[in-house]
Amino acid sequence: MSTTSKRHTGTEPVRARTAGRLRLLLSLLFAPVFLVGAGLLAWWAAESGSGDAPGRTVLAVLAGVCALLFLVAVTDAAVLGRRARHPARRTTDR
């Protein structure tokens, strides 16, 4: 069993950086896509008949998945926007 150490060995960066701008761009790009998709799928589910394929349940589940992905994208964009406005303070190793 291996244990991970929180001490820096000197080979890794002290402060890792992510592709925050790309994540923000993708979140802002796909949030409206997922919202429109959820609305269209929900409308399709409401308008479909009992013998139609795909069925109402499948369409409703897909609409729910799109709505969930919309919420994830909006939340991610909000977190990234907050981090951009309020950068973390530099911490020192103890």
C-alpha atoms as a PDB file:
ATOM      1  CA  MET A   1       0.000   0.000   0.000  1.00  0.00           C
ATOM      2  CA  SER A   2       1.452   3.328  -1.049  1.00  0.00           C
ATOM      3  CA  THR A   3       0.924   6.586   0.738  1.00  0.00           C
ATOM      4  CA  THR A   4       0.873   9.978  -0.879  1.00  0.00           C
ATOM      5  CA  SER A   5       2.877  12.766   0.633  1.00  0.00           C
ATOM      6  CA  LYS A   6       1.696  16.349   0.674  1.00  0.00           C
ATOM      7  CA  ARG A   7       5.253  17.626   0.727  1.00  0.00           C
ATOM      8  CA  HIS A   8       6.794  18.888  -2.469  1.00  0.00           C
ATOM      9  CA  THR A   9       9.784  16.964  -3.759  1.00  0.00           C
ATOM     10  CA  GLY A  10      10.935  19.738  -6.054  1.00  0.00           C
ATOM     11  CA  THR A  11      10.017  18.090  -9.348  1.00  0.00           C
ATOM     12  CA  GLU A  12       6.354  19.084  -9.507  1.00  0.00           C
ATOM     13  CA  PRO A  13       5.015  22.608  -9.875  1.00  0.00           C
ATOM     14  CA  VAL A  14       4.104  24.288  -6.627  1.00  0.00           C
ATOM     15  CA  ARG A  15       0.962  25.692  -8.166  1.00  0.00           C
ATOM     16  CA  ALA A  16      -0.631  23.645 -10.931  1.00  0.00           C
ATOM     17  CA  ARG A  17      -2.519  25.470 -13.647  1.00  0.00           C
ATOM     18  CA  THR A  18      -5.536  24.246 -15.574  1.00  0.00           C
ATOM     19  CA  ALA A  19      -6.945  25.262 -18.918  1.00  0.00           C
ATOM     20  CA  GLY A  20      -9.457  27.546 -17.233  1.00  0.00           C
ATOM     21  CA  ARG A  21     -10.092  29.759 -20.243  1.00  0.00           C
ATOM     22  CA  LEU A  22     -10.870  26.749 -22.416  1.00  0.00           C
ATOM     23  CA  ARG A  23     -13.174  25.287 -19.756  1.00  0.00           C
ATOM     24  CA  LEU A  24     -14.963  28.627 -19.454  1.00  0.00           C
ATOM     25  CA  LEU A  25     -15.327  28.892 -23.233  1.00  0.00           C
ATOM     26  CA  LEU A  26     -16.720  25.355 -23.489  1.00  0.00           C
ATOM     27  CA  SER A  27     -19.095  25.924 -20.584  1.00  0.00           C
ATOM     28  CA  LEU A  28     -20.418  29.127 -22.094  1.00  0.00           C
ATOM     29  CA  LEU A  29     -20.701  27.515 -25.514  1.00  0.00           C
ATOM     30  CA  PHE A  30     -22.506  24.348 -24.470  1.00  0.00           C
ATOM     31  CA  ALA A  31     -24.799  25.704 -21.724  1.00  0.00           C
ATOM     32  CA  PRO A  32     -27.272  27.173 -24.234  1.00  0.00           C
ATOM     33  CA  VAL A  33     -26.987  24.070 -26.421  1.00  0.00           C
ATOM     34  CA  PHE A  34     -27.974  21.835 -23.509  1.00  0.00           C
ATOM     35  CA  LEU A  35     -30.768  24.208 -22.490  1.00  0.00           C
ATOM     36  CA  VAL A  36     -32.262  24.248 -25.983  1.00  0.00           C
ATOM     37  CA  GLY A  37     -31.812  20.480 -26.239  1.00  0.00           C
ATOM     38  CA  ALA A  38     -33.633  19.949 -22.945  1.00  0.00           C
ATOM     39  CA  GLY A  39     -36.485  22.186 -24.046  1.00  0.00           C
ATOM     40  CA  LEU A  40     -36.852  20.544 -27.463  1.00  0.00           C
ATOM     41  CA  LEU A  41     -36.698  17.035 -26.036  1.00  0.00           C
ATOM     42  CA  ALA A  42     -39.241  17.909 -23.355  1.00  0.00           C
ATOM     43  CA  TRP A  43     -41.554  19.386 -26.004  1.00  0.00           C
ATOM     44  CA  TRP A  44     -41.089  16.305 -28.202  1.00  0.00           C
ATOM     45  CA  ALA A  45     -41.881  14.056 -25.230  1.00  0.00           C
ATOM     46  CA  ALA A  46     -45.029  16.050 -24.497  1.00  0.00           C
ATOM     47  CA  GLU A  47     -46.186  15.904 -28.115  1.00  0.00           C
ATOM     48  CA  SER A  48     -45.394  12.229 -28.765  1.00  0.00           C
ATOM     49  CA  GLY A  49     -48.148   9.648 -28.802  1.00  0.00           C
ATOM     50  CA  SER A  50     -48.322   6.393 -26.899  1.00  0.00           C
ATOM     51  CA  GLY A  51     -47.117   4.270 -29.844  1.00  0.00           C
ATOM     52  CA  ASP A  52     -44.428   6.611 -31.131  1.00  0.00           C
ATOM     53  CA  ALA A  53     -40.772   5.691 -31.199  1.00  0.00           C
ATOM     54  CA  PRO A  54     -38.796   6.848 -29.293  1.00  0.00           C
ATOM     55  CA  GLY A  55     -41.202   6.750 -26.403  1.00  0.00           C
ATOM     56  CA  ARG A  56     -42.073   9.504 -23.982  1.00  0.00           C
ATOM     57  CA  THR A  57     -39.950   8.003 -21.223  1.00  0.00           C
ATOM     58  CA  VAL A  58     -36.813   7.924 -23.362  1.00  0.00           C
ATOM     59  CA  LEU A  59     -37.344  11.502 -24.483  1.00  0.00           C
ATOM     60  CA  ALA A  60     -38.058  12.680 -20.950  1.00  0.00           C
ATOM     61  CA  VAL A  61     -34.885  11.008 -19.664  1.00  0.00           C
ATOM     62  CA  LEU A  62     -32.848  12.615 -22.444  1.00  0.00           C
ATOM     63  CA  ALA A  63     -34.399  15.994 -21.611  1.00  0.00           C
ATOM     64  CA  GLY A  64     -33.434  15.468 -17.968  1.00  0.00           C
ATOM     65  CA  VAL A  65     -29.868  14.557 -18.920  1.00  0.00           C
ATOM     66  CA  CYS A  66     -29.612  17.706 -21.056  1.00  0.00           C
ATOM     67  CA  ALA A  67     -30.988  19.799 -18.188  1.00  0.00           C
ATOM     68  CA  LEU A  68     -28.461  18.265 -15.797  1.00  0.00           C
ATOM     69  CA  LEU A  69     -25.606  18.964 -18.223  1.00  0.00           C
ATOM     70  CA  PHE A  70     -26.873  22.542 -18.534  1.00  0.00           C
ATOM     71  CA  LEU A  71     -26.671  22.923 -14.749  1.00  0.00           C
ATOM     72  CA  VAL A  72     -23.160  21.459 -14.693  1.00  0.00           C
ATOM     73  CA  ALA A  73     -22.006  23.832 -17.453  1.00  0.00           C
ATOM     74  CA  VAL A  74     -23.511  26.893 -15.746  1.00  0.00           C
ATOM     75  CA  THR A  75     -22.054  25.909 -12.375  1.00  0.00           C
ATOM     76  CA  ASP A  76     -18.627  25.334 -13.905  1.00  0.00           C
ATOM     77  CA  ALA A  77     -18.757  28.708 -15.660  1.00  0.00           C
ATOM     78  CA  ALA A  78     -19.753  30.413 -12.399  1.00  0.00           C
ATOM     79  CA  VAL A  79     -16.929  28.755 -10.466  1.00  0.00           C
ATOM     80  CA  LEU A  80     -14.374  29.618 -13.143  1.00  0.00           C
ATOM     81  CA  GLY A  81     -15.627  33.199 -13.317  1.00  0.00           C
ATOM     82  CA  ARG A  82     -15.328  33.552  -9.553  1.00  0.00           C
ATOM     83  CA  ARG A  83     -11.830  32.110  -9.576  1.00  0.00           C
ATOM     84  CA  ALA A  84     -10.822  34.540 -12.315  1.00  0.00           C
ATOM     85  CA  ARG A  85     -12.126  37.522 -10.324  1.00  0.00           C
ATOM     86  CA  HIS A  86     -10.704  36.355  -6.997  1.00  0.00           C
ATOM     87  CA  PRO A  87      -7.434  34.496  -7.520  1.00  0.00           C
ATOM     88  CA  ALA A  88      -6.341  32.276  -4.669  1.00  0.00           C
ATOM     89  CA  ARG A  89      -3.817  33.636  -2.265  1.00  0.00           C
ATOM     90  CA  ARG A  90      -0.429  32.051  -2.385  1.00  0.00           C
ATOM     91  CA  THR A  91       0.080  29.598   0.443  1.00  0.00           C
ATOM     92  CA  THR A  92       3.392  28.656   1.962  1.00  0.00           C
ATOM     93  CA  ASP A  93       4.562  25.164   2.821  1.00  0.00           C
ATOM     94  CA  ARG A  94       4.764  24.449   6.492  1.00  0.00           C
END
